[in-house]
Protein backbone atom coordinates (compact mmCIF):
# COMPACT_ATOMS: atom_id res chain seq x y z
CA MET A 1 0.09 -50.79 -51.48
CA THR A 2 -0.61 -51.30 -55.18
CA GLN A 3 0.46 -49.70 -58.66
CA GLU A 4 -2.37 -47.90 -58.88
CA GLU A 5 -2.73 -46.00 -55.65
CA ILE A 6 1.18 -45.55 -56.25
CA ASP A 7 0.41 -43.99 -59.33
CA ARG A 8 -2.93 -41.99 -57.42
CA LEU A 9 -1.06 -40.49 -54.94
CA ILE A 10 1.88 -39.21 -57.45
CA ARG A 11 -0.72 -37.90 -60.20
CA CYS A 12 -3.45 -36.45 -57.44
CA PRO A 13 -3.43 -32.36 -57.43
CA LYS A 14 -1.00 -31.00 -55.00
CA VAL A 15 -0.23 -27.65 -53.50
CA ILE A 16 2.62 -25.69 -51.71
CA SER A 17 2.08 -25.74 -48.19
CA ASP A 18 5.43 -25.09 -46.91
CA PRO A 19 7.45 -23.29 -49.38
CA PRO A 20 11.20 -23.93 -50.07
CA ARG A 21 13.99 -21.99 -49.39
CA LYS A 22 14.65 -18.99 -52.11
CA GLU A 23 17.86 -20.62 -52.15
CA MET A 24 19.17 -24.53 -52.21
CA ALA A 25 21.43 -24.41 -48.87
CA GLU A 26 24.95 -26.12 -48.97
CA ASP A 27 25.10 -29.29 -46.98
CA ARG A 28 27.78 -32.42 -46.96
CA GLY A 29 28.93 -30.62 -50.77
CA SER A 30 25.59 -31.46 -52.32
CA LEU A 31 22.78 -28.09 -53.04
CA ARG A 32 19.52 -28.78 -50.53
CA ASN A 33 16.29 -27.59 -50.27
CA SER A 34 12.34 -29.39 -49.83
CA MET A 35 9.15 -28.39 -49.52
CA LYS A 36 5.94 -29.70 -47.38
CA LEU A 37 2.92 -30.51 -50.28
CA THR A 38 -0.74 -31.61 -49.35
CA ALA A 39 -3.01 -33.48 -51.66
CA LYS A 40 -5.89 -30.76 -53.44
CA GLU A 41 -8.50 -32.80 -51.49
CA GLY A 42 -6.59 -31.98 -48.11
CA GLN A 43 -6.04 -35.97 -46.95
CA ARG A 44 -2.23 -36.32 -47.79
CA GLU A 45 0.81 -34.77 -46.65
CA PHE A 46 4.28 -35.50 -48.88
CA LEU A 47 7.28 -33.88 -48.94
CA ALA A 48 9.21 -32.90 -52.31
CA PHE A 49 12.60 -32.98 -52.11
CA MET A 50 16.14 -31.14 -54.33
CA ARG A 51 19.45 -31.91 -53.97
CA LYS A 52 22.24 -30.96 -56.76
CA ASN A 53 25.95 -31.76 -56.29
CA VAL A 54 28.51 -29.12 -55.82
CA ASP A 55 30.83 -29.51 -58.06
CA PHE A 56 28.94 -31.80 -60.49
CA SER A 57 25.73 -30.19 -61.07
CA GLU A 58 24.00 -33.07 -63.48
CA ASN A 59 24.41 -35.22 -60.00
CA PHE A 60 20.89 -34.27 -58.36
CA SER A 61 17.98 -36.24 -57.57
CA ILE A 62 14.78 -34.58 -56.95
CA GLY A 63 12.05 -36.55 -55.19
CA LEU A 64 8.70 -36.90 -53.47
CA ASP A 65 8.14 -38.91 -50.47
CA TYR A 66 4.03 -40.07 -49.28
CA CYS A 67 3.78 -38.75 -45.21
CA PRO A 68 1.32 -41.21 -44.31
CA ARG A 69 -0.61 -39.49 -41.30
CA ASP A 70 -0.80 -43.64 -39.33
CA GLY A 71 2.95 -42.94 -38.31
CA ARG A 72 4.29 -46.05 -41.31
CA GLY A 73 6.87 -43.47 -42.50
CA ARG A 74 7.48 -41.46 -45.32
CA VAL A 75 7.50 -43.65 -48.52
CA CYS A 76 9.92 -42.53 -51.56
CA LEU A 77 7.47 -42.54 -54.35
CA LEU A 78 9.82 -40.64 -57.49
CA ARG A 79 13.11 -39.75 -58.18
CA CYS A 80 13.81 -37.91 -61.20
CA ASN A 81 17.70 -38.14 -60.78
CA GLY A 82 20.18 -37.42 -62.65
CA PRO A 83 23.83 -39.40 -63.83
CA HIS A 84 26.10 -40.51 -61.78
CA GLY A 85 28.01 -43.54 -62.63
CA GLU A 86 27.31 -47.08 -62.29
CA TRP A 87 25.95 -48.08 -58.59
CA ILE A 88 25.16 -51.39 -57.99
CA ASP A 89 23.35 -52.36 -54.36
CA ASP A 90 22.52 -55.63 -55.88
CA PHE A 91 24.10 -58.19 -57.88
CA HIS A 92 21.04 -59.12 -59.33
CA ASP A 93 19.26 -55.80 -60.05
CA PRO A 94 21.41 -53.14 -61.55
CA HIS A 95 20.79 -49.60 -61.92
CA PRO A 96 21.49 -47.32 -64.86
CA HIS A 97 22.94 -44.60 -62.86
CA HIS A 98 24.86 -43.50 -65.91
CA GLY A 99 22.65 -41.71 -67.24
CA TYR A 100 19.68 -39.26 -66.24
CA HIS A 101 16.83 -42.15 -65.18
CA ILE A 102 13.29 -42.10 -62.56
CA HIS A 103 13.38 -44.33 -59.59
CA MET A 104 9.47 -44.70 -58.98
CA ALA A 105 8.06 -47.00 -56.34
CA ARG A 106 6.74 -50.51 -57.30
CA PRO A 107 4.50 -52.89 -54.87
CA GLU A 108 7.07 -55.70 -55.18
CA ASN A 109 10.04 -53.35 -53.32
CA ILE A 110 7.19 -52.40 -50.51
CA GLU A 111 6.03 -56.40 -50.49
CA ALA A 112 9.57 -57.83 -50.32
CA GLY A 113 10.78 -54.96 -47.28
CA PHE A 114 12.76 -53.17 -49.91
CA ARG A 115 13.25 -49.50 -50.72
CA ALA A 116 9.94 -48.61 -52.73
CA GLU A 117 11.64 -46.75 -55.16
CA ARG A 118 14.16 -49.18 -55.93
CA GLY A 119 15.08 -50.23 -59.44
CA ALA A 120 15.64 -47.28 -62.24
CA GLU A 121 14.44 -46.69 -65.81
CA VAL A 122 16.72 -44.03 -67.93
CA THR A 123 14.28 -41.45 -68.81
CA LYS A 124 14.61 -38.99 -72.27
CA GLU A 125 12.20 -36.64 -70.53
CA TYR A 126 14.76 -34.84 -69.16
CA ALA A 127 18.61 -33.51 -69.91
CA SER A 128 19.59 -31.45 -66.86
CA TYR A 129 18.20 -29.99 -63.53
CA GLN A 130 16.14 -27.42 -64.53
CA GLU A 131 14.95 -29.78 -66.98
CA ALA A 132 13.96 -32.72 -64.28
CA LEU A 133 12.19 -30.38 -61.75
CA CYS A 134 9.93 -28.87 -64.38
CA HIS A 135 9.19 -32.51 -65.56
CA PHE A 136 8.89 -33.30 -62.13
CA VAL A 137 6.94 -30.81 -61.17
CA ARG A 138 4.06 -32.00 -63.65
CA LEU A 139 4.23 -35.37 -63.18
CA CYS A 140 3.36 -34.89 -59.49
CA ASN A 141 0.97 -32.17 -60.37
CA ILE A 142 1.96 -29.39 -58.13
CA ASP A 143 -0.15 -26.48 -58.48
CA GLU A 144 1.21 -23.00 -58.67
CA ALA A 145 5.02 -23.99 -58.70
CA VAL A 146 6.00 -21.16 -60.62
CA LYS A 147 5.67 -18.74 -58.02
CA HIS A 148 8.55 -21.00 -56.07
CA PHE A 149 10.17 -21.48 -58.71
CA PRO A 150 10.07 -19.03 -61.46
CA GLU A 151 12.52 -20.09 -64.03
CA LEU A 152 9.54 -23.15 -65.14
CA GLU A 153 7.27 -20.03 -66.38
CA GLN A 154 9.46 -19.94 -69.72
CA LEU A 155 8.11 -20.21 -72.85
CA PRO A 156 8.24 -24.13 -74.66
CA LEU A 157 10.65 -24.21 -77.82
CA PHE A 158 8.11 -26.14 -79.31
CA ASP A 159 4.73 -24.66 -78.14
CA ASP A 160 2.61 -26.62 -80.05
CA LEU A 161 3.39 -30.08 -78.96
CA GLU A 162 1.33 -31.64 -76.03
CA PRO A 163 2.66 -32.15 -72.74
CA ARG A 164 3.65 -35.15 -71.59
CA ASN A 165 1.53 -36.29 -68.43
CA GLU A 166 1.79 -39.84 -68.14
CA LEU A 167 4.20 -41.31 -65.98
CA PRO A 168 7.35 -43.22 -66.76
């Protein structure tokens, strides 16, 4: 999988084929929800997941998994995360988990047999769960998401600014 293919999977227009629950469900200290997505051209399927810590709401993850039909198993393409302290799973590859950050799938991770989204970059695109959800929906090009997330319909503070659509 090339970076161009990964970026195309993230950005391709998607529709919600199996909507999220109206309320997040609590499970082992986290509020959880998910929804199935289908590419508008109908050939690709995805799973979007939302997780938020019950005690520390700034500790969250909103992600997009690609579900190939060839049985290879899901590939995490993207995760928008909140700060949750320093955590290092590889001595040579520290992650910026102290701030808001984005994990993005990289071909070199896939080729090396690591988690596709290993590594992360600090972001200023969002500073809360709601802002991260809005960024995620825009970035992943999810059509009519406001039907399931009415909070996304709030008017922008600066409506004269162009929305950011580039990948981080």
